[in-house]
Amino acid sequence: MYLDTVFMLGSIANSHGEGRWAFAAGAGAASILWFFALAYGARLLGRVLASPRAWRVLDTVIAVVMIALGISLVLH
């Protein structure tokens, strides 16, 4: 994961010229914020997702999104 991130971030940041360090800092800050939000959200949703019904609803939503993405890829 870290090697992919470093190589991908580095190659994308290089395309931003003089702003490459600002881009890299922003991407790093966004990554840190995302993982903290993910951990905090998991803590908050722990009780809600404890029931099998909640997982069925979540699985259904994910299935609908995946099917919609698949159909949009086939049509375009």
N, C-alpha and C. Protein backbone atom coordinates (compact mmCIF):
# COMPACT_ATOMS: atom_id res chain seq x y z
N MET A 1 0.82 -1.18 0.00
CA MET A 1 0.00 0.00 0.00
C MET A 1 0.87 1.25 0.00
N TYR A 2 1.88 1.28 0.83
CA TYR A 2 2.69 2.49 0.93
C TYR A 2 3.50 2.73 -0.34
N LEU A 3 4.04 1.68 -0.93
CA LEU A 3 4.80 1.86 -2.17
C LEU A 3 3.90 2.37 -3.29
N ASP A 4 2.71 1.79 -3.41
CA ASP A 4 1.77 2.25 -4.43
C ASP A 4 1.43 3.73 -4.22
N THR A 5 1.17 4.08 -2.97
CA THR A 5 0.81 5.46 -2.67
C THR A 5 1.95 6.41 -2.98
N VAL A 6 3.15 6.05 -2.58
CA VAL A 6 4.29 6.93 -2.81
C VAL A 6 4.56 7.09 -4.30
N PHE A 7 4.55 6.01 -5.05
CA PHE A 7 4.83 6.11 -6.48
C PHE A 7 3.69 6.84 -7.21
N MET A 8 2.46 6.51 -6.87
CA MET A 8 1.34 7.17 -7.53
C MET A 8 1.30 8.65 -7.16
N LEU A 9 1.43 8.95 -5.88
CA LEU A 9 1.40 10.34 -5.43
C LEU A 9 2.55 11.13 -6.04
N GLY A 10 3.72 10.52 -6.09
CA GLY A 10 4.87 11.20 -6.68
C GLY A 10 4.69 11.49 -8.15
N SER A 11 4.19 10.53 -8.90
CA SER A 11 4.02 10.76 -10.34
C SER A 11 2.92 11.77 -10.62
N ILE A 12 1.84 11.75 -9.84
CA ILE A 12 0.78 12.74 -10.05
C ILE A 12 1.24 14.12 -9.59
N ALA A 13 1.96 14.18 -8.48
CA ALA A 13 2.44 15.47 -7.97
C ALA A 13 3.42 16.11 -8.96
N ASN A 14 4.24 15.31 -9.62
CA ASN A 14 5.19 15.86 -10.58
C ASN A 14 4.49 16.54 -11.75
N SER A 15 3.27 16.14 -12.06
CA SER A 15 2.55 16.77 -13.16
C SER A 15 2.01 18.15 -12.77
N HIS A 16 2.13 18.54 -11.51
CA HIS A 16 1.63 19.84 -11.05
C HIS A 16 2.73 20.91 -11.02
N GLY A 17 3.88 20.60 -11.53
CA GLY A 17 4.95 21.60 -11.64
C GLY A 17 5.37 22.18 -10.31
N GLU A 18 5.32 23.51 -10.21
CA GLU A 18 5.76 24.20 -8.99
C GLU A 18 4.87 23.90 -7.79
N GLY A 19 3.63 23.52 -8.04
CA GLY A 19 2.71 23.23 -6.94
C GLY A 19 2.74 21.80 -6.47
N ARG A 20 3.79 21.06 -6.88
CA ARG A 20 3.81 19.63 -6.55
C ARG A 20 3.90 19.37 -5.05
N TRP A 21 4.62 20.22 -4.30
CA TRP A 21 4.74 19.99 -2.86
C TRP A 21 3.42 20.33 -2.16
N ALA A 22 2.74 21.35 -2.63
CA ALA A 22 1.43 21.69 -2.06
C ALA A 22 0.43 20.57 -2.35
N PHE A 23 0.49 20.02 -3.58
CA PHE A 23 -0.39 18.91 -3.93
C PHE A 23 -0.10 17.71 -3.04
N ALA A 24 1.17 17.38 -2.87
CA ALA A 24 1.54 16.22 -2.05
C ALA A 24 1.12 16.42 -0.59
N ALA A 25 1.29 17.64 -0.07
CA ALA A 25 0.88 17.92 1.32
C ALA A 25 -0.63 17.81 1.46
N GLY A 26 -1.38 18.33 0.49
CA GLY A 26 -2.83 18.23 0.53
C GLY A 26 -3.32 16.79 0.43
N ALA A 27 -2.68 16.02 -0.44
CA ALA A 27 -3.06 14.61 -0.58
C ALA A 27 -2.74 13.83 0.70
N GLY A 28 -1.60 14.13 1.30
CA GLY A 28 -1.26 13.47 2.56
C GLY A 28 -2.22 13.83 3.68
N ALA A 29 -2.58 15.11 3.77
CA ALA A 29 -3.53 15.56 4.80
C ALA A 29 -4.91 14.92 4.57
N ALA A 30 -5.33 14.83 3.31
CA ALA A 30 -6.61 14.21 3.00
C ALA A 30 -6.60 12.73 3.38
N SER A 31 -5.48 12.06 3.17
CA SER A 31 -5.37 10.65 3.52
C SER A 31 -5.47 10.45 5.04
N ILE A 32 -4.76 11.28 5.77
CA ILE A 32 -4.82 11.19 7.24
C ILE A 32 -6.24 11.46 7.73
N LEU A 33 -6.88 12.49 7.19
CA LEU A 33 -8.25 12.82 7.57
C LEU A 33 -9.21 11.68 7.23
N TRP A 34 -9.03 11.07 6.06
CA TRP A 34 -9.89 9.97 5.64
C TRP A 34 -9.79 8.79 6.61
N PHE A 35 -8.58 8.40 6.99
CA PHE A 35 -8.44 7.24 7.87
C PHE A 35 -8.94 7.51 9.28
N PHE A 36 -8.74 8.75 9.78
CA PHE A 36 -9.31 9.08 11.08
C PHE A 36 -10.83 9.09 11.03
N ALA A 37 -11.41 9.62 9.95
CA ALA A 37 -12.86 9.64 9.80
C ALA A 37 -13.41 8.23 9.68
N LEU A 38 -12.69 7.38 8.97
CA LEU A 38 -13.10 5.99 8.83
C LEU A 38 -13.11 5.27 10.17
N ALA A 39 -12.08 5.48 10.97
CA ALA A 39 -12.01 4.84 12.29
C ALA A 39 -13.09 5.39 13.21
N TYR A 40 -13.29 6.70 13.21
CA TYR A 40 -14.30 7.30 14.07
C TYR A 40 -15.71 6.86 13.63
N GLY A 41 -15.95 6.82 12.32
CA GLY A 41 -17.24 6.38 11.81
C GLY A 41 -17.52 4.93 12.18
N ALA A 42 -16.49 4.10 12.12
CA ALA A 42 -16.65 2.69 12.50
C ALA A 42 -17.04 2.58 13.97
N ARG A 43 -16.44 3.43 14.79
CA ARG A 43 -16.76 3.41 16.21
C ARG A 43 -18.21 3.84 16.43
N LEU A 44 -18.65 4.86 15.70
CA LEU A 44 -20.02 5.35 15.86
C LEU A 44 -21.06 4.37 15.32
N LEU A 45 -20.72 3.68 14.24
CA LEU A 45 -21.68 2.77 13.61
C LEU A 45 -21.60 1.35 14.15
N GLY A 46 -20.75 1.10 15.11
CA GLY A 46 -20.58 -0.24 15.66
C GLY A 46 -21.87 -0.86 16.18
N ARG A 47 -22.64 -0.08 16.91
CA ARG A 47 -23.89 -0.61 17.48
C ARG A 47 -24.94 -0.82 16.39
N VAL A 48 -24.99 0.10 15.42
CA VAL A 48 -25.98 0.00 14.36
C VAL A 48 -25.72 -1.24 13.50
N LEU A 49 -24.45 -1.48 13.19
CA LEU A 49 -24.10 -2.59 12.31
C LEU A 49 -23.97 -3.92 13.04
N ALA A 50 -24.39 -3.97 14.28
CA ALA A 50 -24.32 -5.21 15.04
C ALA A 50 -25.45 -6.17 14.66
N SER A 51 -26.48 -5.67 14.01
CA SER A 51 -27.62 -6.54 13.69
C SER A 51 -27.49 -7.10 12.27
N PRO A 52 -27.95 -8.33 12.08
CA PRO A 52 -27.92 -8.93 10.73
C PRO A 52 -28.77 -8.16 9.72
N ARG A 53 -29.86 -7.55 10.17
CA ARG A 53 -30.72 -6.78 9.27
C ARG A 53 -29.96 -5.58 8.69
N ALA A 54 -29.17 -4.92 9.50
CA ALA A 54 -28.39 -3.77 9.02
C ALA A 54 -27.40 -4.21 7.95
N TRP A 55 -26.80 -5.37 8.13
CA TRP A 55 -25.85 -5.87 7.13
C TRP A 55 -26.56 -6.24 5.83
N ARG A 56 -27.78 -6.78 5.93
CA ARG A 56 -28.54 -7.09 4.72
C ARG A 56 -28.87 -5.82 3.95
N VAL A 57 -29.25 -4.76 4.67
CA VAL A 57 -29.54 -3.48 4.02
C VAL A 57 -28.28 -2.92 3.37
N LEU A 58 -27.18 -2.95 4.08
CA LEU A 58 -25.91 -2.45 3.54
C LEU A 58 -25.49 -3.25 2.32
N ASP A 59 -25.60 -4.57 2.39
CA ASP A 59 -25.25 -5.41 1.24
C ASP A 59 -26.15 -5.13 0.04
N THR A 60 -27.42 -4.86 0.29
CA THR A 60 -28.35 -4.54 -0.80
C THR A 60 -27.99 -3.22 -1.46
N VAL A 61 -27.66 -2.22 -0.66
CA VAL A 61 -27.25 -0.92 -1.20
C VAL A 61 -25.99 -1.07 -2.04
N ILE A 62 -25.03 -1.81 -1.54
CA ILE A 62 -23.78 -2.02 -2.28
C ILE A 62 -24.07 -2.76 -3.59
N ALA A 63 -24.93 -3.76 -3.55
CA ALA A 63 -25.27 -4.51 -4.77
C ALA A 63 -25.94 -3.62 -5.81
N VAL A 64 -26.84 -2.74 -5.37
CA VAL A 64 -27.51 -1.84 -6.30
C VAL A 64 -26.51 -0.88 -6.93
N VAL A 65 -25.60 -0.35 -6.14
CA VAL A 65 -24.58 0.56 -6.67
C VAL A 65 -23.68 -0.17 -7.67
N MET A 66 -23.26 -1.38 -7.34
CA MET A 66 -22.39 -2.14 -8.24
C MET A 66 -23.10 -2.48 -9.56
N ILE A 67 -24.36 -2.86 -9.48
CA ILE A 67 -25.12 -3.16 -10.69
C ILE A 67 -25.28 -1.90 -11.54
N ALA A 68 -25.58 -0.78 -10.90
CA ALA A 68 -25.72 0.49 -11.63
C ALA A 68 -24.41 0.87 -12.31
N LEU A 69 -23.30 0.70 -11.62
CA LEU A 69 -21.99 0.98 -12.23
C LEU A 69 -21.71 0.05 -13.39
N GLY A 70 -22.02 -1.20 -13.23
CA GLY A 70 -21.82 -2.17 -14.32
C GLY A 70 -22.65 -1.83 -15.55
N ILE A 71 -23.91 -1.47 -15.32
CA ILE A 71 -24.78 -1.10 -16.45
C ILE A 71 -24.27 0.17 -17.13
N SER A 72 -23.83 1.15 -16.33
CA SER A 72 -23.32 2.38 -16.94
C SER A 72 -22.06 2.14 -17.74
N LEU A 73 -21.22 1.20 -17.30
CA LEU A 73 -20.01 0.88 -18.06
C LEU A 73 -20.35 0.16 -19.37
N VAL A 74 -21.34 -0.69 -19.35
CA VAL A 74 -21.73 -1.41 -20.56
C VAL A 74 -22.36 -0.44 -21.57
N LEU A 75 -23.14 0.51 -21.09
CA LEU A 75 -23.84 1.43 -21.98
C LEU A 75 -22.96 2.54 -22.54
N HIS A 76 -21.83 2.79 -21.91
CA HIS A 76 -20.97 3.88 -22.38
C HIS A 76 -19.75 3.28 -22.94
